[in-house]
Amino acid sequence: MEANKKVDCYGLLCPMPIVLTADTIKGMEIGEILEVRASDEGIKHDMPAWCKVTGQRFMGIEERDGEYFAYVQKIKA
């Protein structure tokens, strides 16, 4: 998936991937896609929940070689 911005959270534990996602999304334009790279498996549950609460669009997670790549589209200011 093509992302407009990327956040590297590899090696960080909860809640840091969500904290960094929230900070980055604030500076993005509506419609842009953020890729979040993480090593913490908790992102599989945390990211969809955060998107639901904040009104952003969860676009899925890809798992590659023990790394997780979560995709979020900004749809709400």
PDB file of N, CA and C in Angstrom:
ATOM      1  N   MET A   1       0.847  -1.176   0.000  1.00  0.00           N
ATOM      2  CA  MET A   1       0.000   0.000   0.000  1.00  0.00           C
ATOM      3  C   MET A   1       0.898   1.246   0.000  1.00  0.00           C
ATOM      4  N   GLU A   2       0.532   2.220  -0.759  1.00  0.00           N
ATOM      5  CA  GLU A   2       1.310   3.453  -0.874  1.00  0.00           C
ATOM      6  C   GLU A   2       0.900   4.417   0.243  1.00  0.00           C
ATOM      7  N   ALA A   3       1.882   4.850   1.036  1.00  0.00           N
ATOM      8  CA  ALA A   3       1.616   5.762   2.149  1.00  0.00           C
ATOM      9  C   ALA A   3       2.202   7.138   1.858  1.00  0.00           C
ATOM     10  N   ASN A   4       1.507   8.166   2.345  1.00  0.00           N
ATOM     11  CA  ASN A   4       1.995   9.528   2.217  1.00  0.00           C
ATOM     12  C   ASN A   4       3.059   9.851   3.266  1.00  0.00           C
ATOM     13  N   LYS A   5       2.904   9.260   4.440  1.00  0.00           N
ATOM     14  CA  LYS A   5       3.860   9.437   5.537  1.00  0.00           C
ATOM     15  C   LYS A   5       4.069   8.101   6.223  1.00  0.00           C
ATOM     16  N   LYS A   6       5.232   7.983   6.886  1.00  0.00           N
ATOM     17  CA  LYS A   6       5.562   6.752   7.611  1.00  0.00           C
ATOM     18  C   LYS A   6       6.063   7.112   9.000  1.00  0.00           C
ATOM     19  N   VAL A   7       5.713   6.250   9.968  1.00  0.00           N
ATOM     20  CA  VAL A   7       6.182   6.382  11.335  1.00  0.00           C
ATOM     21  C   VAL A   7       6.832   5.056  11.715  1.00  0.00           C
ATOM     22  N   ASP A   8       8.061   5.127  12.210  1.00  0.00           N
ATOM     23  CA  ASP A   8       8.783   3.921  12.606  1.00  0.00           C
ATOM     24  C   ASP A   8       8.696   3.750  14.120  1.00  0.00           C
ATOM     25  N   CYS A   9       7.936   2.762  14.559  1.00  0.00           N
ATOM     26  CA  CYS A   9       7.757   2.479  15.980  1.00  0.00           C
ATOM     27  C   CYS A   9       8.391   1.147  16.363  1.00  0.00           C
ATOM     28  N   TYR A  10       9.293   0.657  15.525  1.00  0.00           N
ATOM     29  CA  TYR A  10       9.936  -0.629  15.792  1.00  0.00           C
ATOM     30  C   TYR A  10      10.673  -0.558  17.131  1.00  0.00           C
ATOM     31  N   GLY A  11      10.415  -1.548  17.979  1.00  0.00           N
ATOM     32  CA  GLY A  11      11.055  -1.617  19.288  1.00  0.00           C
ATOM     33  C   GLY A  11      10.302  -0.875  20.382  1.00  0.00           C
ATOM     34  N   LEU A  12       9.262  -0.143  20.015  1.00  0.00           N
ATOM     35  CA  LEU A  12       8.478   0.594  21.005  1.00  0.00           C
ATOM     36  C   LEU A  12       7.275  -0.230  21.451  1.00  0.00           C
ATOM     37  N   LEU A  13       6.960  -0.143  22.724  1.00  0.00           N
ATOM     38  CA  LEU A  13       5.810  -0.861  23.271  1.00  0.00           C
ATOM     39  C   LEU A  13       4.637   0.081  23.452  1.00  0.00           C
ATOM     40  N   CYS A  14       3.468  -0.503  23.629  1.00  0.00           N
ATOM     41  CA  CYS A  14       2.243   0.238  23.879  1.00  0.00           C
ATOM     42  C   CYS A  14       2.468   1.155  25.077  1.00  0.00           C
ATOM     43  N   PRO A  15       2.060   2.376  25.009  1.00  0.00           N
ATOM     44  CA  PRO A  15       1.172   3.013  24.043  1.00  0.00           C
ATOM     45  C   PRO A  15       1.898   3.830  22.972  1.00  0.00           C
ATOM     46  N   MET A  16       3.210   3.740  22.884  1.00  0.00           N
ATOM     47  CA  MET A  16       3.967   4.642  22.010  1.00  0.00           C
ATOM     48  C   MET A  16       3.574   4.593  20.528  1.00  0.00           C
ATOM     49  N   PRO A  17       3.309   3.427  19.929  1.00  0.00           N
ATOM     50  CA  PRO A  17       2.880   3.461  18.525  1.00  0.00           C
ATOM     51  C   PRO A  17       1.603   4.292  18.321  1.00  0.00           C
ATOM     52  N   ILE A  18       0.681   4.214  19.256  1.00  0.00           N
ATOM     53  CA  ILE A  18      -0.562   4.994  19.147  1.00  0.00           C
ATOM     54  C   ILE A  18      -0.284   6.473  19.402  1.00  0.00           C
ATOM     55  N   VAL A  19       0.557   6.781  20.362  1.00  0.00           N
ATOM     56  CA  VAL A  19       0.910   8.175  20.659  1.00  0.00           C
ATOM     57  C   VAL A  19       1.558   8.822  19.433  1.00  0.00           C
ATOM     58  N   LEU A  20       2.505   8.134  18.820  1.00  0.00           N
ATOM     59  CA  LEU A  20       3.187   8.673  17.643  1.00  0.00           C
ATOM     60  C   LEU A  20       2.249   8.760  16.436  1.00  0.00           C
ATOM     61  N   THR A  21       1.337   7.810  16.320  1.00  0.00           N
ATOM     62  CA  THR A  21       0.335   7.857  15.254  1.00  0.00           C
ATOM     63  C   THR A  21      -0.534   9.097  15.412  1.00  0.00           C
ATOM     64  N   ALA A  22      -1.020   9.326  16.623  1.00  0.00           N
ATOM     65  CA  ALA A  22      -1.885  10.487  16.884  1.00  0.00           C
ATOM     66  C   ALA A  22      -1.157  11.791  16.577  1.00  0.00           C
ATOM     67  N   ASP A  23       0.098  11.891  16.986  1.00  0.00           N
ATOM     68  CA  ASP A  23       0.881  13.105  16.726  1.00  0.00           C
ATOM     69  C   ASP A  23       1.079  13.335  15.231  1.00  0.00           C
ATOM     70  N   THR A  24       1.354  12.275  14.499  1.00  0.00           N
ATOM     71  CA  THR A  24       1.625  12.393  13.060  1.00  0.00           C
ATOM     72  C   THR A  24       0.357  12.717  12.282  1.00  0.00           C
ATOM     73  N   ILE A  25      -0.739  12.055  12.615  1.00  0.00           N
ATOM     74  CA  ILE A  25      -2.021  12.270  11.918  1.00  0.00           C
ATOM     75  C   ILE A  25      -2.441  13.738  11.989  1.00  0.00           C
ATOM     76  N   LYS A  26      -2.149  14.393  13.103  1.00  0.00           N
ATOM     77  CA  LYS A  26      -2.534  15.802  13.270  1.00  0.00           C
ATOM     78  C   LYS A  26      -1.974  16.684  12.160  1.00  0.00           C
ATOM     79  N   GLY A  27      -0.786  16.382  11.693  1.00  0.00           N
ATOM     80  CA  GLY A  27      -0.149  17.198  10.679  1.00  0.00           C
ATOM     81  C   GLY A  27      -0.411  16.771   9.251  1.00  0.00           C
ATOM     82  N   MET A  28      -1.285  15.795   9.066  1.00  0.00           N
ATOM     83  CA  MET A  28      -1.573  15.286   7.730  1.00  0.00           C
ATOM     84  C   MET A  28      -2.846  15.898   7.163  1.00  0.00           C
ATOM     85  N   GLU A  29      -2.985  15.821   5.848  1.00  0.00           N
ATOM     86  CA  GLU A  29      -4.177  16.308   5.156  1.00  0.00           C
ATOM     87  C   GLU A  29      -5.239  15.201   5.097  1.00  0.00           C
ATOM     88  N   ILE A  30      -6.504  15.605   5.027  1.00  0.00           N
ATOM     89  CA  ILE A  30      -7.602  14.654   4.861  1.00  0.00           C
ATOM     90  C   ILE A  30      -7.339  13.831   3.599  1.00  0.00           C
ATOM     91  N   GLY A  31      -7.503  12.517   3.714  1.00  0.00           N
ATOM     92  CA  GLY A  31      -7.313  11.615   2.581  1.00  0.00           C
ATOM     93  C   GLY A  31      -5.939  10.977   2.524  1.00  0.00           C
ATOM     94  N   GLU A  32      -4.961  11.551   3.231  1.00  0.00           N
ATOM     95  CA  GLU A  32      -3.617  10.977   3.215  1.00  0.00           C
ATOM     96  C   GLU A  32      -3.560   9.702   4.049  1.00  0.00           C
ATOM     97  N   ILE A  33      -2.601   8.845   3.705  1.00  0.00           N
ATOM     98  CA  ILE A  33      -2.446   7.547   4.362  1.00  0.00           C
ATOM     99  C   ILE A  33      -1.129   7.515   5.128  1.00  0.00           C
ATOM    100  N   LEU A  34      -1.211   7.007   6.352  1.00  0.00           N
ATOM    101  CA  LEU A  34      -0.058   6.854   7.230  1.00  0.00           C
ATOM    102  C   LEU A  34       0.277   5.376   7.369  1.00  0.00           C
ATOM    103  N   GLU A  35       1.566   5.057   7.232  1.00  0.00           N
ATOM    104  CA  GLU A  35       2.053   3.702   7.496  1.00  0.00           C
ATOM    105  C   GLU A  35       2.780   3.720   8.832  1.00  0.00           C
ATOM    106  N   VAL A  36       2.415   2.801   9.719  1.00  0.00           N
ATOM    107  CA  VAL A  36       3.049   2.694  11.027  1.00  0.00           C
ATOM    108  C   VAL A  36       3.746   1.340  11.106  1.00  0.00           C
ATOM    109  N   ARG A  37       5.067   1.366  11.219  1.00  0.00           N
ATOM    110  CA  ARG A  37       5.867   0.140  11.344  1.00  0.00           C
ATOM    111  C   ARG A  37       6.063  -0.140  12.825  1.00  0.00           C
ATOM    112  N   ALA A  38       5.760  -1.369  13.246  1.00  0.00           N
ATOM    113  CA  ALA A  38       5.871  -1.720  14.661  1.00  0.00           C
ATOM    114  C   ALA A  38       6.335  -3.159  14.825  1.00  0.00           C
ATOM    115  N   SER A  39       6.902  -3.426  15.994  1.00  0.00           N
ATOM    116  CA  SER A  39       7.297  -4.787  16.332  1.00  0.00           C
ATOM    117  C   SER A  39       6.372  -5.373  17.403  1.00  0.00           C
ATOM    118  N   ASP A  40       5.635  -4.522  18.089  1.00  0.00           N
ATOM    119  CA  ASP A  40       4.720  -4.938  19.149  1.00  0.00           C
ATOM    120  C   ASP A  40       3.432  -5.485  18.546  1.00  0.00           C
ATOM    121  N   GLU A  41       3.157  -6.751  18.812  1.00  0.00           N
ATOM    122  CA  GLU A  41       1.971  -7.420  18.266  1.00  0.00           C
ATOM    123  C   GLU A  41       0.669  -6.751  18.711  1.00  0.00           C
ATOM    124  N   GLY A  42       0.723  -6.014  19.810  1.00  0.00           N
ATOM    125  CA  GLY A  42      -0.462  -5.327  20.311  1.00  0.00           C
ATOM    126  C   GLY A  42      -1.065  -4.343  19.328  1.00  0.00           C
ATOM    127  N   ILE A  43      -0.274  -3.912  18.349  1.00  0.00           N
ATOM    128  CA  ILE A  43      -0.786  -2.961  17.357  1.00  0.00           C
ATOM    129  C   ILE A  43      -1.953  -3.554  16.566  1.00  0.00           C
ATOM    130  N   LYS A  44      -2.003  -4.874  16.471  1.00  0.00           N
ATOM    131  CA  LYS A  44      -3.096  -5.521  15.723  1.00  0.00           C
ATOM    132  C   LYS A  44      -4.454  -5.219  16.347  1.00  0.00           C
ATOM    133  N   HIS A  45      -4.474  -4.993  17.651  1.00  0.00           N
ATOM    134  CA  HIS A  45      -5.728  -4.684  18.343  1.00  0.00           C
ATOM    135  C   HIS A  45      -5.849  -3.185  18.624  1.00  0.00           C
ATOM    136  N   ASP A  46      -4.712  -2.578  18.954  1.00  0.00           N
ATOM    137  CA  ASP A  46      -4.734  -1.168  19.353  1.00  0.00           C
ATOM    138  C   ASP A  46      -5.075  -0.215  18.210  1.00  0.00           C
ATOM    139  N   MET A  47      -4.512  -0.455  17.033  1.00  0.00           N
ATOM    140  CA  MET A  47      -4.731   0.485  15.929  1.00  0.00           C
ATOM    141  C   MET A  47      -6.186   0.516  15.456  1.00  0.00           C
ATOM    142  N   PRO A  48      -6.836  -0.641  15.248  1.00  0.00           N
ATOM    143  CA  PRO A  48      -8.260  -0.566  14.859  1.00  0.00           C
ATOM    144  C   PRO A  48      -9.115   0.118  15.928  1.00  0.00           C
ATOM    145  N   ALA A  49      -8.805  -0.132  17.195  1.00  0.00           N
ATOM    146  CA  ALA A  49      -9.569   0.487  18.283  1.00  0.00           C
ATOM    147  C   ALA A  49      -9.361   1.998  18.289  1.00  0.00           C
ATOM    148  N   TRP A  50      -8.122   2.446  18.101  1.00  0.00           N
ATOM    149  CA  TRP A  50      -7.834   3.881  18.077  1.00  0.00           C
ATOM    150  C   TRP A  50      -8.562   4.553  16.917  1.00  0.00           C
ATOM    151  N   CYS A  51      -8.544   3.909  15.768  1.00  0.00           N
ATOM    152  CA  CYS A  51      -9.227   4.478  14.599  1.00  0.00           C
ATOM    153  C   CYS A  51     -10.723   4.613  14.842  1.00  0.00           C
ATOM    154  N   LYS A  52     -11.304   3.617  15.469  1.00  0.00           N
ATOM    155  CA  LYS A  52     -12.737   3.661  15.754  1.00  0.00           C
ATOM    156  C   LYS A  52     -13.070   4.818  16.693  1.00  0.00           C
ATOM    157  N   VAL A  53     -12.255   5.008  17.706  1.00  0.00           N
ATOM    158  CA  VAL A  53     -12.487   6.066  18.690  1.00  0.00           C
ATOM    159  C   VAL A  53     -12.271   7.454  18.093  1.00  0.00           C
ATOM    160  N   THR A  54     -11.274   7.597  17.224  1.00  0.00           N
ATOM    161  CA  THR A  54     -10.917   8.916  16.698  1.00  0.00           C
ATOM    162  C   THR A  54     -11.585   9.255  15.364  1.00  0.00           C
ATOM    163  N   GLY A  55     -12.237   8.281  14.742  1.00  0.00           N
ATOM    164  CA  GLY A  55     -12.925   8.545  13.485  1.00  0.00           C
ATOM    165  C   GLY A  55     -12.048   8.459  12.252  1.00  0.00           C
ATOM    166  N   GLN A  56     -10.843   7.909  12.400  1.00  0.00           N
ATOM    167  CA  GLN A  56      -9.979   7.716  11.239  1.00  0.00           C
ATOM    168  C   GLN A  56     -10.273   6.351  10.606  1.00  0.00           C
ATOM    169  N   ARG A  57      -9.817   6.138   9.387  1.00  0.00           N
ATOM    170  CA  ARG A  57     -10.101   4.890   8.670  1.00  0.00           C
ATOM    171  C   ARG A  57      -8.937   3.911   8.828  1.00  0.00           C
ATOM    172  N   PHE A  58      -9.220   2.774   9.465  1.00  0.00           N
ATOM    173  CA  PHE A  58      -8.241   1.693   9.575  1.00  0.00           C
ATOM    174  C   PHE A  58      -8.257   0.933   8.261  1.00  0.00           C
ATOM    175  N   MET A  59      -7.107   0.855   7.615  1.00  0.00           N
ATOM    176  CA  MET A  59      -7.032   0.233   6.292  1.00  0.00           C
ATOM    177  C   MET A  59      -6.377  -1.139   6.304  1.00  0.00           C
ATOM    178  N   GLY A  60      -5.974  -1.602   7.487  1.00  0.00           N
ATOM    179  CA  GLY A  60      -5.438  -2.944   7.591  1.00  0.00           C
ATOM    180  C   GLY A  60      -4.016  -2.993   8.105  1.00  0.00           C
ATOM    181  N   ILE A  61      -3.582  -4.218   8.355  1.00  0.00           N
ATOM    182  CA  ILE A  61      -2.227  -4.477   8.842  1.00  0.00           C
ATOM    183  C   ILE A  61      -1.617  -5.587   8.013  1.00  0.00           C
ATOM    184  N   GLU A  62      -0.381  -5.385   7.622  1.00  0.00           N
ATOM    185  CA  GLU A  62       0.397  -6.421   6.947  1.00  0.00           C
ATOM    186  C   GLU A  62       1.476  -6.891   7.916  1.00  0.00           C
ATOM    187  N   GLU A  63       1.677  -8.209   7.973  1.00  0.00           N
ATOM    188  CA  GLU A  63       2.739  -8.757   8.807  1.00  0.00           C
ATOM    189  C   GLU A  63       3.814  -9.326   7.894  1.00  0.00           C
ATOM    190  N   ARG A  64       5.050  -8.837   8.090  1.00  0.00           N
ATOM    191  CA  ARG A  64       6.173  -9.294   7.272  1.00  0.00           C
ATOM    192  C   ARG A  64       7.376  -9.548   8.166  1.00  0.00           C
ATOM    193  N   ASP A  65       7.803 -10.780   8.227  1.00  0.00           N
ATOM    194  CA  ASP A  65       9.016 -11.153   8.968  1.00  0.00           C
ATOM    195  C   ASP A  65       9.024 -10.620  10.401  1.00  0.00           C
ATOM    196  N   GLY A  66       7.920 -10.776  11.105  1.00  0.00           N
ATOM    197  CA  GLY A  66       7.838 -10.357  12.496  1.00  0.00           C
ATOM    198  C   GLY A  66       7.624  -8.871  12.705  1.00  0.00           C
ATOM    199  N   GLU A  67       7.419  -8.139  11.638  1.00  0.00           N
ATOM    200  CA  GLU A  67       7.116  -6.714  11.725  1.00  0.00           C
ATOM    201  C   GLU A  67       5.675  -6.493  11.281  1.00  0.00           C
ATOM    202  N   TYR A  68       5.069  -5.480  11.854  1.00  0.00           N
ATOM    203  CA  TYR A  68       3.688  -5.144  11.520  1.00  0.00           C
ATOM    204  C   TYR A  68       3.655  -3.769  10.868  1.00  0.00           C
ATOM    205  N   PHE A  69       2.900  -3.662   9.796  1.00  0.00           N
ATOM    206  CA  PHE A  69       2.733  -2.407   9.075  1.00  0.00           C
ATOM    207  C   PHE A  69       1.247  -2.086   9.059  1.00  0.00           C
ATOM    208  N   ALA A  70       0.867  -1.094   9.858  1.00  0.00           N
ATOM    209  CA  ALA A  70      -0.535  -0.697   9.965  1.00  0.00           C
ATOM    210  C   ALA A  70      -0.756   0.525   9.083  1.00  0.00           C
ATOM    211  N   TYR A  71      -1.931   0.586   8.449  1.00  0.00           N
ATOM    212  CA  TYR A  71      -2.252   1.678   7.541  1.00  0.00           C
ATOM    213  C   TYR A  71      -3.517   2.385   8.014  1.00  0.00           C
ATOM    214  N   VAL A  72      -3.406   3.711   8.111  1.00  0.00           N
ATOM    215  CA  VAL A  72      -4.508   4.538   8.603  1.00  0.00           C
ATOM    216  C   VAL A  72      -4.695   5.697   7.615  1.00  0.00           C
ATOM    217  N   GLN A  73      -5.948   5.909   7.213  1.00  0.00           N
ATOM    218  CA  GLN A  73      -6.249   7.060   6.353  1.00  0.00           C
ATOM    219  C   GLN A  73      -6.912   8.131   7.198  1.00  0.00           C
ATOM    220  N   LYS A  74      -6.412   9.347   7.085  1.00  0.00           N
ATOM    221  CA  LYS A  74      -7.009  10.463   7.819  1.00  0.00           C
ATOM    222  C   LYS A  74      -8.287  10.878   7.083  1.00  0.00           C
ATOM    223  N   ILE A  75      -9.409  10.759   7.766  1.00  0.00           N
ATOM    224  CA  ILE A  75     -10.684  11.150   7.171  1.00  0.00           C
ATOM    225  C   ILE A  75     -11.406  12.191   8.031  1.00  0.00           C
ATOM    226  N   LYS A  76     -10.817  12.503   9.176  1.00  0.00           N
ATOM    227  CA  LYS A  76     -11.453  13.459  10.084  1.00  0.00           C
ATOM    228  C   LYS A  76     -10.368  14.386  10.641  1.00  0.00           C
ATOM    229  N   ALA A  77     -10.682  15.662  10.679  1.00  0.00           N
ATOM    230  CA  ALA A  77      -9.715  16.659  11.190  1.00  0.00           C
ATOM    231  C   ALA A  77      -9.517  16.514  12.677  1.00  0.00           C
TER     232      ALA A  77
END
